Protein backbone atom coordinates (compact mmCIF):
# COMPACT_ATOMS: atom_id res chain seq x y z
CA MET A 1 0.00 0.00 0.00
CA SER A 2 2.95 2.32 -0.29
CA THR A 3 2.31 3.71 -3.81
CA SER A 4 0.14 6.71 -2.98
CA ILE A 5 -0.44 6.03 0.69
CA SER A 6 1.22 9.23 1.86
CA SER A 7 -1.38 11.37 0.08
CA LEU A 8 -4.28 9.94 2.09
CA PRO A 9 -5.69 12.17 4.85
CA VAL A 10 -5.51 11.37 8.57
CA LEU A 11 -8.99 10.88 10.02
CA ARG A 12 -9.77 12.01 13.58
CA GLY A 13 -12.96 10.73 15.13
CA ARG A 14 -14.95 10.40 18.31
CA GLY A 15 -13.20 9.58 21.58
CA GLY A 16 -9.72 10.43 20.34
CA ALA A 17 -9.73 7.82 17.55
CA VAL A 18 -7.16 8.49 14.81
CA LEU A 19 -7.07 6.50 11.56
CA SER A 20 -4.01 6.86 9.35
CA ALA A 21 -2.46 5.06 6.39
CA GLU A 22 1.15 3.93 6.71
CA ASP A 23 3.49 1.67 4.74
CA ILE A 24 2.43 -1.36 6.79
CA GLY A 25 -1.29 -0.70 6.16
CA LEU A 26 -3.89 1.17 8.20
CA VAL A 27 -3.33 2.11 11.83
CA LEU A 28 -6.22 2.94 14.14
CA ASP A 29 -5.09 4.62 17.35
CA LEU A 30 -7.56 4.51 20.24
CA PRO A 31 -7.11 5.75 23.82
CA ARG A 32 -6.27 2.30 25.22
CA GLU A 33 -5.26 0.25 22.19
CA GLN A 34 -3.87 0.36 18.67
CA VAL A 35 -5.20 -1.70 15.76
CA THR A 36 -2.99 -2.39 12.74
CA PHE A 37 -4.66 -3.56 9.52
CA THR A 38 -2.26 -5.06 6.99
CA PRO A 39 -3.38 -4.98 3.32
CA ASP A 40 -3.83 -8.77 3.09
CA GLY A 41 -6.71 -8.59 5.57
CA LEU A 42 -8.55 -5.54 4.26
CA GLY A 43 -11.76 -6.05 2.29
CA ARG A 44 -12.88 -2.51 1.61
CA ILE A 45 -13.35 0.86 3.28
CA ARG A 46 -16.82 2.37 3.39
CA ALA A 47 -17.50 6.06 3.98
CA GLU A 48 -21.03 6.62 5.29
CA GLY A 49 -21.51 10.29 6.00
CA ARG A 50 -19.30 11.13 8.99
CA SER A 51 -18.45 7.49 9.67
CA VAL A 52 -15.79 5.21 8.20
CA LEU A 53 -16.16 1.44 8.27
CA ILE A 54 -13.11 -0.79 7.85
CA GLU A 55 -14.40 -4.11 6.52
CA LEU A 56 -12.07 -7.09 6.74
CA ARG A 57 -11.95 -9.91 4.23
CA ALA A 58 -13.93 -13.02 5.12
CA LYS A 59 -14.15 -16.57 3.90
CA SER A 60 -17.18 -17.60 1.86
CA GLY A 61 -20.35 -17.87 3.93
CA THR A 62 -18.98 -15.92 6.92
CA THR A 63 -19.77 -12.36 8.00
CA PRO A 64 -16.81 -9.99 7.70
CA ARG A 65 -15.62 -8.15 10.79
CA VAL A 66 -16.09 -4.39 10.71
CA HIS A 67 -14.31 -1.64 12.65
CA ARG A 68 -16.12 1.69 12.81
CA ILE A 69 -14.87 5.25 13.40
CA ASP A 70 -17.51 7.96 13.89
CA ASP A 71 -17.55 11.78 13.81
CA VAL A 72 -14.85 12.18 11.15
CA ASP A 73 -14.72 14.87 8.49
CA GLU A 74 -17.10 13.77 5.72
CA VAL A 75 -14.98 14.98 2.80
CA ALA A 76 -11.80 13.47 4.25
CA ALA A 77 -13.62 10.19 4.93
CA THR A 78 -14.70 9.89 1.30
CA ALA A 79 -11.20 10.71 0.02
CA PHE A 80 -9.67 8.20 2.44
CA ALA A 81 -12.06 5.39 1.47
CA ASP A 82 -11.66 6.04 -2.27
CA GLY A 83 -7.88 6.12 -1.99
CA VAL A 84 -7.57 2.87 -0.03
CA ASN A 85 -10.14 1.05 -2.17
CA ALA A 86 -8.31 2.11 -5.35
CA ILE A 87 -5.13 0.51 -4.01
CA LEU A 88 -6.95 -2.64 -2.89
CA ALA A 89 -8.53 -2.99 -6.34
CA ASN A 90 -5.08 -3.88 -7.75
CA ARG A 91 -4.88 -6.97 -5.58
CA THR A 92 -4.75 -10.23 -7.56
CA ASP A 93 -4.95 -12.95 -4.88
CA SER A 94 -8.01 -15.03 -3.97
CA ASP A 95 -10.92 -13.35 -2.22
CA ASP A 96 -11.52 -16.37 0.04
CA VAL A 97 -9.35 -15.08 2.90
CA ASP A 98 -10.00 -14.67 6.62
CA GLY A 99 -8.93 -11.12 7.40
CA ALA A 100 -9.07 -11.47 11.21
CA PRO A 101 -5.38 -12.51 11.64
CA PHE A 102 -4.35 -9.41 9.67
CA ALA A 103 -6.05 -6.97 12.05
CA VAL A 104 -3.85 -7.01 15.14
CA VAL A 105 -4.86 -5.27 18.37
CA ARG A 106 -2.07 -4.05 20.65
CA SER A 107 -3.10 -2.89 24.10
CA LEU A 108 -1.69 0.44 25.31
CA ALA A 109 -2.87 -0.10 28.89
CA PRO A 110 -0.19 -1.09 31.44
CA THR A 111 -0.02 -4.89 31.79
CA TRP A 112 0.60 -6.78 35.03
CA ARG A 113 4.23 -7.22 33.95
CA THR A 114 4.67 -3.46 33.42
CA ARG A 115 3.05 -2.58 36.75
CA PHE A 116 5.08 -5.27 38.52
CA HIS A 117 8.39 -4.01 37.10
CA ARG A 118 7.53 -0.46 38.12
CA ARG A 119 6.75 -1.48 41.69
CA ILE A 120 9.90 -3.58 42.03
CA LEU A 121 12.03 -0.77 40.60
CA ARG A 122 10.35 1.83 42.84
CA GLY A 123 10.86 -0.28 45.97
CA ALA A 124 14.49 -1.05 45.10
CA LEU A 125 15.24 2.63 44.45
CA TRP A 126 13.67 3.79 47.74
CA HIS A 127 15.63 1.12 49.62
CA LEU A 128 18.85 2.20 47.89
CA LEU A 129 18.15 5.86 48.67
CA ALA A 130 17.63 4.94 52.33
CA LEU A 131 21.05 3.25 52.38
CA VAL A 132 22.69 6.28 50.76
CA ALA A 133 20.96 8.62 53.25
CA LEU A 134 22.12 6.46 56.15
CA CYS A 135 25.72 6.61 54.91
CA ALA A 136 25.47 10.39 54.46
CA VAL A 137 24.09 10.93 57.98
CA ALA A 138 26.61 8.55 59.55
CA GLY A 139 29.47 10.22 57.68
CA ALA A 140 28.32 13.68 58.79
CA LEU A 141 28.28 12.45 62.40
CA GLY A 142 31.71 10.87 62.03
CA GLU A 143 30.31 7.35 62.51
CA TRP A 144 32.41 5.71 59.79
CA ASP A 145 31.81 2.26 61.28
CA VAL A 146 28.19 2.55 60.11
CA VAL A 147 29.32 3.51 56.60
CA VAL A 148 31.75 0.59 56.46
CA LEU A 149 28.98 -1.72 57.73
CA THR A 150 26.33 -0.40 55.34
CA ILE A 151 28.25 -0.81 52.08
CA PRO A 152 28.73 -4.62 52.24
CA VAL A 153 25.91 -5.70 54.57
CA GLY A 154 23.27 -3.22 53.41
CA GLY A 155 24.30 -3.74 49.78
CA LEU A 156 24.00 -7.53 50.01
CA ALA A 157 20.67 -7.25 51.82
CA TRP A 158 19.37 -4.88 49.13
CA LEU A 159 20.54 -7.15 46.30
CA GLY A 160 19.21 -10.39 47.80
CA LEU A 161 15.87 -8.94 48.90
CA TRP A 162 14.86 -7.40 45.58
CA ILE A 163 16.20 -10.13 43.30
CA GLY A 164 14.43 -12.67 45.49
CA LEU A 165 11.14 -10.76 45.54
CA TYR A 166 11.25 -10.39 41.76
CA GLY A 167 11.65 -14.14 41.26
CA VAL A 168 9.05 -15.17 43.86
CA ILE A 169 6.30 -12.76 42.77
CA ARG A 170 6.75 -13.54 39.07
CA ALA A 171 6.71 -17.30 39.77
CA ARG A 172 3.56 -16.86 41.85
CA ARG A 173 1.85 -14.97 39.01
CA GLU A 174 2.81 -17.72 36.55
CA ARG A 175 1.50 -20.41 38.88
CA TRP A 176 -1.83 -18.55 39.14
CA LEU A 177 -2.04 -18.25 35.34
CA TYR A 178 -1.33 -21.98 34.93
CA ARG A 179 -4.26 -22.77 37.23
CA HIS A 180 -6.80 -20.09 36.33
CA GLY A 181 -5.59 -18.39 33.14
CA VAL A 182 -5.97 -19.09 29.43
CA MET A 183 -3.01 -20.65 27.59
CA VAL A 184 -2.72 -19.95 23.86
CA THR A 185 -0.09 -20.26 21.15
CA ALA A 186 1.34 -17.03 19.78
CA THR A 187 2.99 -16.98 16.36
CA ARG A 188 5.58 -14.56 15.07
CA ALA A 189 4.18 -11.50 13.31
CA THR A 190 5.68 -10.43 10.00
CA MET A 191 5.03 -6.69 10.37
CA THR A 192 7.06 -6.04 13.54
CA ARG A 193 10.47 -7.37 14.54
CA GLY A 194 10.08 -9.39 17.72
CA GLY A 195 6.28 -9.15 17.49
CA TYR A 196 3.88 -12.04 18.15
CA VAL A 197 0.13 -12.43 17.64
CA TYR A 198 -2.42 -14.70 19.31
CA PRO A 199 -6.23 -15.08 19.13
CA ASP A 200 -8.48 -14.40 22.11
CA ALA A 201 -11.86 -16.01 22.82
CA THR A 202 -13.68 -13.60 20.49
CA GLY A 203 -11.42 -14.36 17.52
CA THR A 204 -9.64 -11.03 17.77
CA TYR A 205 -5.91 -11.25 17.15
CA ARG A 206 -3.76 -9.45 19.70
CA GLY A 207 -0.12 -8.49 19.41
CA PHE A 208 2.80 -8.00 21.80
CA LEU A 209 6.59 -7.75 21.67
CA HIS A 210 8.86 -10.44 23.08
CA GLY A 211 12.16 -10.39 21.20
CA GLU A 212 13.17 -13.29 18.98
CA ALA A 213 12.01 -16.41 20.82
CA GLY A 214 11.15 -18.70 17.91
CA PRO A 215 8.32 -19.06 15.38
CA ALA A 216 5.72 -19.94 18.04
CA ILE A 217 5.55 -19.57 21.83
CA THR A 218 3.01 -20.37 24.52
CA VAL A 219 1.52 -17.39 26.36
CA ALA A 220 -0.98 -17.02 29.18
CA HIS A 221 -3.47 -14.34 30.14
CA PRO A 222 -6.24 -13.88 32.73
CA PRO A 223 -9.72 -14.89 31.46
CA GLU A 224 -11.08 -11.37 32.06
CA ASP A 225 -8.26 -9.54 30.25
CA PRO A 226 -6.86 -11.22 27.12
CA ALA A 227 -4.59 -8.23 26.47
CA ASP A 228 -2.63 -8.77 29.73
CA VAL A 229 -0.40 -11.51 28.33
CA LEU A 230 2.61 -13.08 30.03
CA VAL A 231 5.17 -15.43 28.46
CA PRO A 232 5.91 -18.18 31.01
CA VAL A 233 9.55 -19.04 31.57
CA ALA A 234 10.97 -22.55 31.19
CA PRO A 235 10.02 -25.04 33.98
CA PHE A 236 13.58 -25.10 35.37
CA THR A 237 13.70 -21.29 35.48
CA HIS A 238 10.30 -21.31 37.20
CA LEU A 239 11.66 -23.64 39.92
CA VAL A 240 14.75 -21.47 40.37
CA ASP A 241 12.59 -18.35 40.63
CA THR A 242 10.37 -20.02 43.22
CA TYR A 243 12.91 -21.62 45.56
CA ALA A 244 16.07 -19.59 45.00
CA GLY A 245 13.95 -16.43 44.98
CA ALA A 246 12.31 -17.35 48.28
CA PHE A 247 15.71 -18.14 49.81
CA LEU A 248 17.21 -14.84 48.63
CA ALA A 249 14.18 -12.83 49.75
CA VAL A 250 14.22 -14.35 53.27
CA CYS A 251 18.00 -14.00 53.64
CA GLY A 252 17.93 -10.48 52.24
CA GLY A 253 15.09 -9.49 54.55
CA LEU A 254 16.84 -10.93 57.62
CA LEU A 255 20.12 -9.32 56.62
CA ALA A 256 18.38 -5.96 56.15
CA LEU A 257 16.82 -6.26 59.60
CA LEU A 258 20.18 -7.19 61.12
CA HIS A 259 21.80 -4.24 59.36
CA VAL A 260 19.21 -1.82 60.77
CA VAL A 261 19.70 -3.14 64.31
CA MET A 262 23.50 -2.95 64.06
CA ALA A 263 23.39 0.57 62.54
CA VAL A 264 21.12 1.80 65.36
CA VAL A 265 23.43 0.24 67.99
CA PHE A 266 26.50 1.90 66.43
CA LEU A 267 24.78 5.29 66.20
CA LEU A 268 23.52 5.15 69.79
CA ASP A 269 26.90 4.09 71.13
CA GLY A 270 28.51 6.94 69.23
């Protein structure tokens, strides 16, 4: 679709929806998700007054899926539909194609993994800042024993605690998904490097990025939110995360507590 794609207008519709034509196809940006339509899945574009309907291709005897954008500029909608349909008219392949896999939805809402990483990073940073502040206060008071104690003991406690918590919490989430979640196979997408797509219960294809992990991988998501996908680690890694993580978290926590007690004793004696 790259011949005259750049001349097509950008359509802005209700609720912040933006429909644009790019080299990879059509891109519909919504407040909480982005839908990419590659040319192989597009049937036709219909302009109906101030609405634009993106109709996907469908196999014989099935109803095509339609995505609708309302409250767009009527003149721009007509120009957009005519331009895309003119390009699609040059297609020479069979019409008996299911367009659903070529309309990929990518969620823009923070996933559990994103929120989890933020919380772990925030906690680790606050802990580290507390150690730095303790060293600064102890140094200002001339209590260099506390500084010498904090660097190895506090540092090891910080490292063990947060690495352990990361492994344990992630392993716990995976265990919950194995028991209560939905497991599906995701296949590598051709339009994005490191991108994968998978179908949800409604037949909508969803996309996510996961590096280069092979042509197909197993993913899991909660039943109520198919966009919140997680790629489970290998069984051995899962065991390491569970048991080694628990060991590190307990040791790190105990070491942090011991460090606090020893620092208080040194400061009070000083």
